[in-house]
C-alpha atoms as a PDB file:
ATOM      1  CA  MET A   1      97.647 120.519 -44.274  1.00  0.00           C
ATOM      2  CA  LYS A   2     101.012 119.126 -43.627  1.00  0.00           C
ATOM      3  CA  ASP A   3     100.531 116.179 -45.431  1.00  0.00           C
ATOM      4  CA  MET A   4      99.738 118.340 -48.844  1.00  0.00           C
ATOM      5  CA  MET A   5     101.985 117.457 -51.702  1.00  0.00           C
ATOM      6  CA  GLN A   6     104.656 119.991 -52.024  1.00  0.00           C
ATOM      7  CA  VAL A   7     104.873 121.314 -55.896  1.00  0.00           C
ATOM      8  CA  SER A   8     108.122 123.253 -57.050  1.00  0.00           C
ATOM      9  CA  SER A   9     109.758 123.839 -60.336  1.00  0.00           C
ATOM     10  CA  ASN A  10     111.582 121.730 -62.671  1.00  0.00           C
ATOM     11  CA  PRO A  11     114.127 120.294 -62.434  1.00  0.00           C
ATOM     12  CA  HIS A  12     112.594 117.356 -59.993  1.00  0.00           C
ATOM     13  CA  VAL A  13     115.381 114.834 -60.600  1.00  0.00           C
ATOM     14  CA  ARG A  14     118.660 115.616 -58.958  1.00  0.00           C
ATOM     15  CA  SER A  15     121.924 113.942 -58.873  1.00  0.00           C
ATOM     16  CA  ARG A  16     125.427 114.234 -57.361  1.00  0.00           C
ATOM     17  CA  VAL A  17     127.248 113.658 -60.543  1.00  0.00           C
ATOM     18  CA  THR A  18     128.130 117.473 -61.733  1.00  0.00           C
ATOM     19  CA  THR A  19     129.063 118.564 -65.345  1.00  0.00           C
ATOM     20  CA  SER A  20     133.011 118.809 -64.194  1.00  0.00           C
ATOM     21  CA  MET A  21     132.933 115.536 -62.479  1.00  0.00           C
ATOM     22  CA  ILE A  22     131.518 114.152 -66.249  1.00  0.00           C
ATOM     23  CA  MET A  23     134.140 116.251 -68.195  1.00  0.00           C
ATOM     24  CA  TYR A  24     137.079 115.321 -65.883  1.00  0.00           C
ATOM     25  CA  SER A  25     135.890 111.553 -66.393  1.00  0.00           C
ATOM     26  CA  VAL A  26     135.924 111.800 -70.072  1.00  0.00           C
ATOM     27  CA  VAL A  27     139.568 113.321 -69.836  1.00  0.00           C
ATOM     28  CA  ILE A  28     140.889 110.429 -67.867  1.00  0.00           C
ATOM     29  CA  ALA A  29     139.452 107.925 -70.200  1.00  0.00           C
ATOM     30  CA  LEU A  30     141.231 109.582 -73.237  1.00  0.00           C
ATOM     31  CA  LEU A  31     144.266 109.563 -71.910  1.00  0.00           C
ATOM     32  CA  PRO A  32     145.344 105.788 -72.836  1.00  0.00           C
ATOM     33  CA  ALA A  33     144.401 107.176 -76.814  1.00  0.00           C
ATOM     34  CA  THR A  34     146.452 110.331 -75.854  1.00  0.00           C
ATOM     35  CA  VAL A  35     149.408 108.539 -74.108  1.00  0.00           C
ATOM     36  CA  PHE A  36     149.581 105.911 -77.188  1.00  0.00           C
ATOM     37  CA  GLY A  37     149.420 108.853 -79.593  1.00  0.00           C
ATOM     38  CA  ILE A  38     152.806 110.379 -77.874  1.00  0.00           C
ATOM     39  CA  ILE A  39     154.410 107.044 -77.577  1.00  0.00           C
ATOM     40  CA  GLN A  40     153.497 106.424 -81.275  1.00  0.00           C
ATOM     41  CA  PHE A  41     154.264 109.559 -82.992  1.00  0.00           C
ATOM     42  CA  GLY A  42     156.794 111.448 -80.759  1.00  0.00           C
ATOM     43  CA  TRP A  43     157.427 114.680 -78.745  1.00  0.00           C
ATOM     44  CA  TYR A  44     155.873 116.767 -81.390  1.00  0.00           C
ATOM     45  CA  ALA A  45     152.306 115.002 -80.984  1.00  0.00           C
ATOM     46  CA  ALA A  46     152.641 115.834 -77.026  1.00  0.00           C
ATOM     47  CA  LEU A  47     153.661 119.540 -78.212  1.00  0.00           C
ATOM     48  CA  ILE A  48     150.401 119.472 -80.552  1.00  0.00           C
ATOM     49  CA  ILE A  49     148.225 118.125 -77.776  1.00  0.00           C
ATOM     50  CA  ALA A  50     149.300 120.689 -75.237  1.00  0.00           C
ATOM     51  CA  VAL A  51     149.204 123.658 -77.307  1.00  0.00           C
ATOM     52  CA  THR A  52     145.694 122.633 -78.546  1.00  0.00           C
ATOM     53  CA  VAL A  53     144.427 121.973 -74.956  1.00  0.00           C
ATOM     54  CA  GLY A  54     145.890 125.069 -73.662  1.00  0.00           C
ATOM     55  CA  THR A  55     144.800 127.203 -76.549  1.00  0.00           C
ATOM     56  CA  ALA A  56     141.090 125.912 -76.016  1.00  0.00           C
ATOM     57  CA  VAL A  57     141.014 126.435 -72.541  1.00  0.00           C
ATOM     58  CA  LEU A  58     142.698 130.005 -72.589  1.00  0.00           C
ATOM     59  CA  THR A  59     140.566 131.108 -75.440  1.00  0.00           C
ATOM     60  CA  GLU A  60     137.413 130.252 -73.185  1.00  0.00           C
ATOM     61  CA  HIS A  61     138.918 132.165 -70.247  1.00  0.00           C
ATOM     62  CA  LEU A  62     139.406 135.305 -72.214  1.00  0.00           C
ATOM     63  CA  PHE A  63     136.104 134.939 -74.023  1.00  0.00           C
ATOM     64  CA  CYS A  64     134.477 135.308 -70.491  1.00  0.00           C
ATOM     65  CA  LEU A  65     136.588 138.100 -69.262  1.00  0.00           C
ATOM     66  CA  ILE A  66     136.073 140.046 -72.236  1.00  0.00           C
ATOM     67  CA  SER A  67     132.112 139.097 -72.392  1.00  0.00           C
ATOM     68  CA  LYS A  68     132.165 140.181 -68.763  1.00  0.00           C
ATOM     69  CA  LYS A  69     131.012 136.631 -67.746  1.00  0.00           C
ATOM     70  CA  PRO A  70     131.850 134.254 -65.045  1.00  0.00           C
ATOM     71  CA  SER A  71     134.914 132.004 -66.107  1.00  0.00           C
ATOM     72  CA  THR A  72     133.455 128.655 -67.133  1.00  0.00           C
ATOM     73  CA  VAL A  73     136.704 126.901 -67.597  1.00  0.00           C
ATOM     74  CA  LYS A  74     136.622 124.913 -64.243  1.00  0.00           C
ATOM     75  CA  ASP A  75     133.855 122.549 -65.581  1.00  0.00           C
ATOM     76  CA  GLY A  76     136.435 121.178 -67.847  1.00  0.00           C
ATOM     77  CA  SER A  77     134.485 121.050 -71.070  1.00  0.00           C
ATOM     78  CA  ALA A  78     136.970 123.456 -72.975  1.00  0.00           C
ATOM     79  CA  MET A  79     139.720 120.784 -72.022  1.00  0.00           C
ATOM     80  CA  VAL A  80     137.682 118.346 -73.695  1.00  0.00           C
ATOM     81  CA  THR A  81     137.150 120.225 -76.690  1.00  0.00           C
ATOM     82  CA  GLY A  82     140.836 120.872 -76.947  1.00  0.00           C
ATOM     83  CA  LEU A  83     141.810 117.121 -76.271  1.00  0.00           C
ATOM     84  CA  LEU A  84     139.291 115.608 -78.441  1.00  0.00           C
ATOM     85  CA  LEU A  85     140.385 118.176 -81.310  1.00  0.00           C
ATOM     86  CA  ALA A  86     144.119 117.498 -80.804  1.00  0.00           C
ATOM     87  CA  LEU A  87     143.440 113.565 -81.094  1.00  0.00           C
ATOM     88  CA  ASN A  88     141.573 114.351 -84.408  1.00  0.00           C
ATOM     89  CA  LEU A  89     144.863 115.933 -85.860  1.00  0.00           C
ATOM     90  CA  PRO A  90     147.636 114.582 -87.963  1.00  0.00           C
ATOM     91  CA  PRO A  91     150.503 114.283 -85.626  1.00  0.00           C
ATOM     92  CA  HIS A  92     152.698 116.684 -87.958  1.00  0.00           C
ATOM     93  CA  ILE A  93     150.220 119.416 -88.517  1.00  0.00           C
ATOM     94  CA  PRO A  94     151.714 122.860 -88.260  1.00  0.00           C
ATOM     95  CA  VAL A  95     151.233 124.511 -84.670  1.00  0.00           C
ATOM     96  CA  TRP A  96     149.505 127.338 -85.707  1.00  0.00           C
ATOM     97  CA  ILE A  97     146.826 125.406 -87.577  1.00  0.00           C
ATOM     98  CA  ALA A  98     146.120 123.336 -84.026  1.00  0.00           C
ATOM     99  CA  ILE A  99     145.966 127.044 -82.462  1.00  0.00           C
ATOM    100  CA  PHE A 100     143.429 128.258 -85.086  1.00  0.00           C
ATOM    101  CA  GLY A 101     141.272 124.613 -84.400  1.00  0.00           C
ATOM    102  CA  ALA A 102     141.147 125.318 -81.014  1.00  0.00           C
ATOM    103  CA  VAL A 103     139.995 129.284 -81.242  1.00  0.00           C
ATOM    104  CA  PHE A 104     137.414 128.129 -83.806  1.00  0.00           C
ATOM    105  CA  ALA A 105     136.015 125.368 -81.904  1.00  0.00           C
ATOM    106  CA  ILE A 106     135.771 127.428 -78.348  1.00  0.00           C
ATOM    107  CA  VAL A 107     134.715 131.014 -80.213  1.00  0.00           C
ATOM    108  CA  VAL A 108     132.586 129.907 -82.889  1.00  0.00           C
ATOM    109  CA  VAL A 109     131.015 126.659 -82.573  1.00  0.00           C
ATOM    110  CA  LYS A 110     130.621 126.586 -78.781  1.00  0.00           C
ATOM    111  CA  LEU A 111     130.384 130.174 -77.038  1.00  0.00           C
ATOM    112  CA  LEU A 112     128.792 132.195 -79.825  1.00  0.00           C
ATOM    113  CA  PHE A 113     125.765 129.729 -79.486  1.00  0.00           C
ATOM    114  CA  GLY A 114     125.411 130.396 -75.542  1.00  0.00           C
ATOM    115  CA  GLY A 115     128.038 127.851 -74.149  1.00  0.00           C
ATOM    116  CA  LEU A 116     128.262 124.311 -73.051  1.00  0.00           C
ATOM    117  CA  GLY A 117     125.027 122.548 -73.542  1.00  0.00           C
ATOM    118  CA  GLN A 118     123.746 125.145 -76.380  1.00  0.00           C
ATOM    119  CA  ASN A 119     126.131 124.469 -78.990  1.00  0.00           C
ATOM    120  CA  PHE A 120     124.149 122.941 -81.783  1.00  0.00           C
ATOM    121  CA  MET A 121     127.356 120.150 -82.982  1.00  0.00           C
ATOM    122  CA  ASN A 122     130.155 119.115 -81.295  1.00  0.00           C
ATOM    123  CA  PRO A 123     132.828 121.563 -81.016  1.00  0.00           C
ATOM    124  CA  ALA A 124     136.025 119.568 -81.980  1.00  0.00           C
ATOM    125  CA  LEU A 125     134.530 117.654 -84.898  1.00  0.00           C
ATOM    126  CA  GLY A 126     133.099 121.099 -86.216  1.00  0.00           C
ATOM    127  CA  ALA A 127     136.577 122.680 -85.985  1.00  0.00           C
ATOM    128  CA  ARG A 128     138.453 119.652 -87.407  1.00  0.00           C
ATOM    129  CA  CYS A 129     135.680 119.486 -90.420  1.00  0.00           C
ATOM    130  CA  PHE A 130     136.457 123.519 -90.791  1.00  0.00           C
ATOM    131  CA  LEU A 131     140.337 122.720 -90.910  1.00  0.00           C
ATOM    132  CA  VAL A 132     139.813 120.154 -93.462  1.00  0.00           C
ATOM    133  CA  ILE A 133     137.988 121.976 -95.562  1.00  0.00           C
ATOM    134  CA  SER A 134     140.446 125.084 -95.207  1.00  0.00           C
ATOM    135  CA  PHE A 135     143.883 123.318 -94.767  1.00  0.00           C
ATOM    136  CA  ALA A 136     142.999 120.011 -96.819  1.00  0.00           C
ATOM    137  CA  LYS A 137     146.878 119.923 -97.653  1.00  0.00           C
ATOM    138  CA  TYR A 138     147.888 119.622 -93.850  1.00  0.00           C
ATOM    139  CA  MET A 139     144.695 117.729 -92.465  1.00  0.00           C
ATOM    140  CA  THR A 140     145.160 114.896 -94.896  1.00  0.00           C
ATOM    141  CA  ASN A 141     149.075 114.607 -94.876  1.00  0.00           C
ATOM    142  CA  PHE A 142     149.709 111.578 -92.423  1.00  0.00           C
ATOM    143  CA  ASP A 143     153.108 110.950 -92.902  1.00  0.00           C
ATOM    144  CA  CYS A 144     155.510 110.885 -90.321  1.00  0.00           C
ATOM    145  CA  ASP A 145     158.952 109.367 -88.715  1.00  0.00           C
ATOM    146  CA  ALA A 146     157.340 106.319 -87.833  1.00  0.00           C
ATOM    147  CA  PHE A 147     154.623 105.507 -91.033  1.00  0.00           C
ATOM    148  CA  THR A 148     154.575 106.952 -94.503  1.00  0.00           C
ATOM    149  CA  GLY A 149     152.777 106.603 -97.309  1.00  0.00           C
ATOM    150  CA  PRO A 150     148.438 105.877 -97.117  1.00  0.00           C
ATOM    151  CA  THR A 151     146.501 105.126 -94.212  1.00  0.00           C
ATOM    152  CA  PRO A 152     145.194 102.003 -93.952  1.00  0.00           C
ATOM    153  CA  LEU A 153     141.403 103.066 -95.090  1.00  0.00           C
ATOM    154  CA  ALA A 154     142.958 104.898 -98.255  1.00  0.00           C
ATOM    155  CA  LEU A 155     144.559 101.406 -98.885  1.00  0.00           C
ATOM    156  CA  LEU A 156     141.299  99.804 -98.609  1.00  0.00           C
ATOM    157  CA  LYS A 157     139.575 102.132-100.707  1.00  0.00           C
ATOM    158  CA  ASP A 158     142.389 101.270-103.537  1.00  0.00           C
ATOM    159  CA  GLY A 159     141.506  97.669-103.370  1.00  0.00           C
ATOM    160  CA  GLU A 160     144.541  96.616-101.636  1.00  0.00           C
ATOM    161  CA  CYS A 161     145.362  94.387 -98.516  1.00  0.00           C
ATOM    162  CA  VAL A 162     145.838  96.030 -94.950  1.00  0.00           C
ATOM    163  CA  ASN A 163     147.013  94.463 -91.871  1.00  0.00           C
ATOM    164  CA  VAL A 164     143.919  94.088 -89.442  1.00  0.00           C
ATOM    165  CA  PHE A 165     146.174  93.136 -86.325  1.00  0.00           C
ATOM    166  CA  ASN A 166     148.157  96.343 -86.750  1.00  0.00           C
ATOM    167  CA  MET A 167     145.296  98.395 -87.166  1.00  0.00           C
ATOM    168  CA  VAL A 168     144.007  96.980 -83.845  1.00  0.00           C
ATOM    169  CA  LEU A 169     146.733  97.633 -82.006  1.00  0.00           C
ATOM    170  CA  GLY A 170     147.519 101.034 -83.598  1.00  0.00           C
ATOM    171  CA  LYS A 171     150.832 100.544 -85.503  1.00  0.00           C
ATOM    172  CA  THR A 172     149.420 102.319 -88.855  1.00  0.00           C
ATOM    173  CA  GLY A 173     149.422 105.977 -89.832  1.00  0.00           C
ATOM    174  CA  GLY A 174     146.409 108.235 -88.558  1.00  0.00           C
ATOM    175  CA  THR A 175     145.403 110.961 -86.430  1.00  0.00           C
ATOM    176  CA  ILE A 176     147.016 111.473 -83.068  1.00  0.00           C
ATOM    177  CA  GLY A 177     144.489 109.418 -81.297  1.00  0.00           C
ATOM    178  CA  GLU A 178     142.473 107.406 -83.407  1.00  0.00           C
ATOM    179  CA  THR A 179     145.067 104.581 -84.459  1.00  0.00           C
ATOM    180  CA  SER A 180     144.966 102.126 -81.579  1.00  0.00           C
ATOM    181  CA  VAL A 181     141.710 100.367 -80.989  1.00  0.00           C
ATOM    182  CA  ILE A 182     142.405  98.800 -77.681  1.00  0.00           C
ATOM    183  CA  ALA A 183     143.417 102.454 -76.104  1.00  0.00           C
ATOM    184  CA  ILE A 184     139.932 103.755 -77.576  1.00  0.00           C
ATOM    185  CA  VAL A 185     137.840 100.775 -75.935  1.00  0.00           C
ATOM    186  CA  LEU A 186     139.629 100.716 -72.573  1.00  0.00           C
ATOM    187  CA  GLY A 187     138.807 104.523 -72.292  1.00  0.00           C
ATOM    188  CA  ALA A 188     135.399 103.736 -73.343  1.00  0.00           C
ATOM    189  CA  CYS A 189     134.533 100.753 -71.042  1.00  0.00           C
ATOM    190  CA  PHE A 190     135.685 103.200 -67.950  1.00  0.00           C
ATOM    191  CA  LEU A 191     133.085 105.646 -69.092  1.00  0.00           C
ATOM    192  CA  ILE A 192     130.240 102.789 -69.535  1.00  0.00           C
ATOM    193  CA  TRP A 193     131.428 101.562 -65.664  1.00  0.00           C
ATOM    194  CA  LEU A 194     131.152 105.020 -64.650  1.00  0.00           C
ATOM    195  CA  GLY A 195     127.586 105.198 -66.297  1.00  0.00           C
ATOM    196  CA  VAL A 196     128.688 108.468 -68.123  1.00  0.00           C
ATOM    197  CA  ILE A 197     127.854 106.791 -71.290  1.00  0.00           C
ATOM    198  CA  ASP A 198     125.956 103.856 -72.248  1.00  0.00           C
ATOM    199  CA  LEU A 199     125.952 101.342 -75.427  1.00  0.00           C
ATOM    200  CA  ARG A 200     122.769 102.606 -77.186  1.00  0.00           C
ATOM    201  CA  ILE A 201     123.988 105.203 -79.334  1.00  0.00           C
ATOM    202  CA  PRO A 202     127.887 103.611 -80.321  1.00  0.00           C
ATOM    203  CA  GLY A 203     126.244 100.027 -80.229  1.00  0.00           C
ATOM    204  CA  MET A 204     123.487 101.068 -82.906  1.00  0.00           C
ATOM    205  CA  TYR A 205     126.499 103.029 -84.799  1.00  0.00           C
ATOM    206  CA  ILE A 206     128.763 100.069 -85.261  1.00  0.00           C
ATOM    207  CA  LEU A 207     126.353  97.646 -85.746  1.00  0.00           C
ATOM    208  CA  SER A 208     124.670  99.539 -88.556  1.00  0.00           C
ATOM    209  CA  PHE A 209     127.777 100.419 -89.979  1.00  0.00           C
ATOM    210  CA  ALA A 210     128.757  97.109 -90.224  1.00  0.00           C
ATOM    211  CA  VAL A 211     125.679  95.737 -91.825  1.00  0.00           C
ATOM    212  CA  PHE A 212     126.208  98.833 -94.234  1.00  0.00           C
ATOM    213  CA  VAL A 213     129.680  97.473 -95.031  1.00  0.00           C
ATOM    214  CA  VAL A 214     128.556  93.950 -95.384  1.00  0.00           C
ATOM    215  CA  ILE A 215     125.801  94.734 -98.074  1.00  0.00           C
ATOM    216  CA  PHE A 216     127.514  97.653 -99.744  1.00  0.00           C
ATOM    217  CA  GLY A 217     131.241  97.240 -99.353  1.00  0.00           C
ATOM    218  CA  GLN A 218     133.842  96.454-102.027  1.00  0.00           C
ATOM    219  CA  ASN A 219     133.345  92.697-101.404  1.00  0.00           C
ATOM    220  CA  GLY A 220     129.798  93.232 -99.950  1.00  0.00           C
ATOM    221  CA  LEU A 221     126.119  91.734-101.096  1.00  0.00           C
ATOM    222  CA  VAL A 222     125.417  94.019-103.658  1.00  0.00           C
ATOM    223  CA  PRO A 223     128.574  93.976-105.505  1.00  0.00           C
ATOM    224  CA  TYR A 224     128.626  90.447-105.359  1.00  0.00           C
ATOM    225  CA  LEU A 225     125.102  89.860-106.817  1.00  0.00           C
ATOM    226  CA  THR A 226     125.795  92.680-109.331  1.00  0.00           C
ATOM    227  CA  GLY A 227     128.560  91.067-110.666  1.00  0.00           C
ATOM    228  CA  SER A 228     131.079  94.300-109.884  1.00  0.00           C
ATOM    229  CA  SER A 229     132.941  91.933-107.091  1.00  0.00           C
ATOM    230  CA  SER A 230     134.538  88.580-108.094  1.00  0.00           C
ATOM    231  CA  SER A 231     134.696  87.470-104.672  1.00  0.00           C
ATOM    232  CA  PHE A 232     131.796  87.443-101.950  1.00  0.00           C
ATOM    233  CA  PHE A 233     132.505  89.417 -98.427  1.00  0.00           C
ATOM    234  CA  ASN A 234     135.258  88.451 -96.177  1.00  0.00           C
ATOM    235  CA  LEU A 235     135.513  89.175 -92.611  1.00  0.00           C
ATOM    236  CA  THR A 236     138.743  90.718 -92.800  1.00  0.00           C
ATOM    237  CA  TYR A 237     137.315  93.641 -94.629  1.00  0.00           C
ATOM    238  CA  LEU A 238     134.422  94.169 -92.420  1.00  0.00           C
ATOM    239  CA  CYS A 239     137.655  94.008 -89.439  1.00  0.00           C
ATOM    240  CA  ALA A 240     139.779  96.782 -91.335  1.00  0.00           C
ATOM    241  CA  GLN A 241     136.663  99.056 -91.554  1.00  0.00           C
ATOM    242  CA  LEU A 242     135.697  98.906 -88.020  1.00  0.00           C
ATOM    243  CA  SER A 243     139.322  99.455 -86.823  1.00  0.00           C
ATOM    244  CA  GLY A 244     140.651 101.834 -89.332  1.00  0.00           C
ATOM    245  CA  GLY A 245     139.713 105.714 -89.187  1.00  0.00           C
ATOM    246  CA  GLY A 246     138.110 107.542 -86.352  1.00  0.00           C
ATOM    247  CA  LEU A 247     135.277 105.291 -85.982  1.00  0.00           C
ATOM    248  CA  MET A 248     135.729 104.028 -82.395  1.00  0.00           C
ATOM    249  CA  LEU A 249     136.994 107.575 -81.090  1.00  0.00           C
ATOM    250  CA  GLY A 250     133.871 109.023 -82.583  1.00  0.00           C
ATOM    251  CA  ALA A 251     131.512 106.518 -81.567  1.00  0.00           C
ATOM    252  CA  PHE A 252     132.379 106.110 -78.225  1.00  0.00           C
ATOM    253  CA  PHE A 253     133.960 110.007 -77.159  1.00  0.00           C
ATOM    254  CA  MET A 254     131.927 112.220 -79.733  1.00  0.00           C
ATOM    255  CA  ALA A 255     128.557 110.728 -80.663  1.00  0.00           C
ATOM    256  CA  THR A 256     127.498 110.330 -77.031  1.00  0.00           C
ATOM    257  CA  ASP A 257     127.854 114.107 -76.558  1.00  0.00           C
ATOM    258  CA  TYR A 258     125.497 114.834 -74.234  1.00  0.00           C
ATOM    259  CA  THR A 259     124.783 118.510 -75.731  1.00  0.00           C
ATOM    260  CA  THR A 260     124.030 117.186 -79.424  1.00  0.00           C
ATOM    261  CA  ARG A 261     122.767 113.645 -78.822  1.00  0.00           C
ATOM    262  CA  PRO A 262     118.951 112.779 -79.030  1.00  0.00           C
ATOM    263  CA  ILE A 263     117.676 112.929 -75.014  1.00  0.00           C
ATOM    264  CA  THR A 264     115.211 110.158 -75.627  1.00  0.00           C
ATOM    265  CA  LYS A 265     116.440 106.338 -75.873  1.00  0.00           C
ATOM    266  CA  LYS A 266     114.183 105.767 -79.368  1.00  0.00           C
ATOM    267  CA  GLY A 267     115.769 108.908 -80.741  1.00  0.00           C
ATOM    268  CA  GLN A 268     119.546 107.661 -79.395  1.00  0.00           C
ATOM    269  CA  TYR A 269     118.859 104.142 -81.379  1.00  0.00           C
ATOM    270  CA  LEU A 270     117.782 106.033 -84.306  1.00  0.00           C
ATOM    271  CA  TYR A 271     120.557 108.460 -84.126  1.00  0.00           C
ATOM    272  CA  GLY A 272     123.142 105.501 -83.924  1.00  0.00           C
ATOM    273  CA  ILE A 273     121.744 104.152 -86.866  1.00  0.00           C
ATOM    274  CA  LEU A 274     121.422 107.305 -88.948  1.00  0.00           C
ATOM    275  CA  LEU A 275     125.353 107.822 -88.268  1.00  0.00           C
ATOM    276  CA  GLY A 276     126.220 104.222 -89.333  1.00  0.00           C
ATOM    277  CA  ILE A 277     124.688 104.603 -92.407  1.00  0.00           C
ATOM    278  CA  LEU A 278     126.178 108.228 -93.160  1.00  0.00           C
ATOM    279  CA  THR A 279     129.436 106.867 -92.584  1.00  0.00           C
ATOM    280  CA  GLY A 280     128.959 103.547 -94.717  1.00  0.00           C
ATOM    281  CA  LEU A 281     127.926 106.126 -97.313  1.00  0.00           C
ATOM    282  CA  PHE A 282     130.689 108.652 -97.164  1.00  0.00           C
ATOM    283  CA  ARG A 283     133.275 105.711 -96.719  1.00  0.00           C
ATOM    284  CA  ILE A 284     131.923 103.490 -99.437  1.00  0.00           C
ATOM    285  CA  PHE A 285     130.459 105.498-102.050  1.00  0.00           C
ATOM    286  CA  GLY A 286     132.303 109.233-101.488  1.00  0.00           C
ATOM    287  CA  PRO A 287     135.412 110.117-102.877  1.00  0.00           C
ATOM    288  CA  GLY A 288     137.261 109.883 -99.533  1.00  0.00           C
ATOM    289  CA  ALA A 289     138.311 107.445 -97.011  1.00  0.00           C
ATOM    290  CA  GLU A 290     136.867 108.735 -94.250  1.00  0.00           C
ATOM    291  CA  GLY A 291     133.645 110.102 -93.135  1.00  0.00           C
ATOM    292  CA  VAL A 292     132.921 109.950 -89.468  1.00  0.00           C
ATOM    293  CA  SER A 293     133.336 113.657 -88.399  1.00  0.00           C
ATOM    294  CA  TYR A 294     130.907 114.448 -91.419  1.00  0.00           C
ATOM    295  CA  ALA A 295     128.436 111.994 -90.272  1.00  0.00           C
ATOM    296  CA  ILE A 296     128.525 113.015 -86.890  1.00  0.00           C
ATOM    297  CA  ILE A 297     128.003 116.471 -87.616  1.00  0.00           C
ATOM    298  CA  LEU A 298     125.303 115.980 -89.855  1.00  0.00           C
ATOM    299  CA  GLY A 299     123.699 113.890 -87.322  1.00  0.00           C
ATOM    300  CA  ASN A 300     123.614 116.505 -84.847  1.00  0.00           C
ATOM    301  CA  LEU A 301     121.869 118.891 -87.257  1.00  0.00           C
ATOM    302  CA  VAL A 302     119.153 116.311 -87.506  1.00  0.00           C
ATOM    303  CA  VAL A 303     119.013 115.628 -83.631  1.00  0.00           C
ATOM    304  CA  PRO A 304     116.140 118.209 -83.429  1.00  0.00           C
ATOM    305  CA  LEU A 305     113.970 116.274 -85.705  1.00  0.00           C
ATOM    306  CA  ILE A 306     114.711 112.697 -84.193  1.00  0.00           C
ATOM    307  CA  GLU A 307     113.637 114.308 -80.886  1.00  0.00           C
ATOM    308  CA  LYS A 308     110.663 115.888 -82.546  1.00  0.00           C
ATOM    309  CA  PHE A 309     109.128 112.306 -83.447  1.00  0.00           C
ATOM    310  CA  THR A 310     110.380 110.844 -80.552  1.00  0.00           C
ATOM    311  CA  MET A 311     109.808 112.848 -77.558  1.00  0.00           C
ATOM    312  CA  PRO A 312     106.716 110.896 -75.458  1.00  0.00           C
ATOM    313  CA  LYS A 313     103.558 113.312 -75.184  1.00  0.00           C
ATOM    314  CA  ALA A 314     102.811 114.774 -71.938  1.00  0.00           C
ATOM    315  CA  PHE A 315     100.381 113.170 -69.646  1.00  0.00           C
ATOM    316  CA  GLY A 316      96.897 114.542 -70.685  1.00  0.00           C
ATOM    317  CA  LYS A 317      98.193 115.529 -73.965  1.00  0.00           C
ATOM    318  CA  GLY A 318      97.319 111.787 -75.876  1.00  0.00           C
ATOM    319  CA  GLY A 319     100.334 110.225 -73.961  1.00  0.00           C
ATOM    320  CA  GLU A 320     100.134 106.705 -72.221  1.00  0.00           C
ATOM    321  CA  LYS A 321      99.654 106.126 -69.153  1.00  0.00           C
ATOM    322  CA  ALA A 322     102.982 104.760 -67.258  1.00  0.00           C
END
């Protein structure tokens, strides 16, 4: 009898890695982009970051107190939400909009759906899209002391040339945390090294978007073959599209959100491809120059369907033997 197998309820696989460890690792990984944004845009950007993060943490704590539940701020998820939202805001947005966005992200998108692990979309991106719809005048104004005029993606949309090297370094206008590709990739490498994320989703996201741009971009294959473009595709245009906007920030830090991404490997590959196609559609054929936020949110909504068709069948239910 002593040799009989013990049966227990799930989960059967346990790990020493906790939710708070993952969340604080993400915070550390976002520090390069955060510090660069503060250096780039000045003290007001630091104020926006501090206010947004502080509001997100305080809102979650007060909500738990009001609902008579244990406070969940120690897990770090509210801090990550506030920081991601702040990095997706223009550097000179009014403080009250940042506060409103943080409250919306925590209460409406996260806590009203059950809290961490039960929200159906990324809270920071949900709040950002809500702010863009509600306060478009402020959310699309990226003028500051260092940079004025259209963003590089807006210039590309109008068919003008941009300096790709400056875009990689971050010497361009944009939101607080999206401008420096180097700072974002540095933080992403840290998360990959820790094993917090892998390259399935961001890799397929970036690759599928690049293919879409090569085929349908202003100087892409389709415009060239149809005669609507006088010159065939050039590498500078592709590099600018990859370096501009929130593509890298979204691919590595928001598309990989544990709660809103598929759990199956096949699903993650399909999810990444879907995000790349949607971002390409919004950027190339849409009226705006960006598209990452809406692409990821729409992808979040499709995740249950992706998992339905990619979830392996249980043993004894027609599934294959291991």
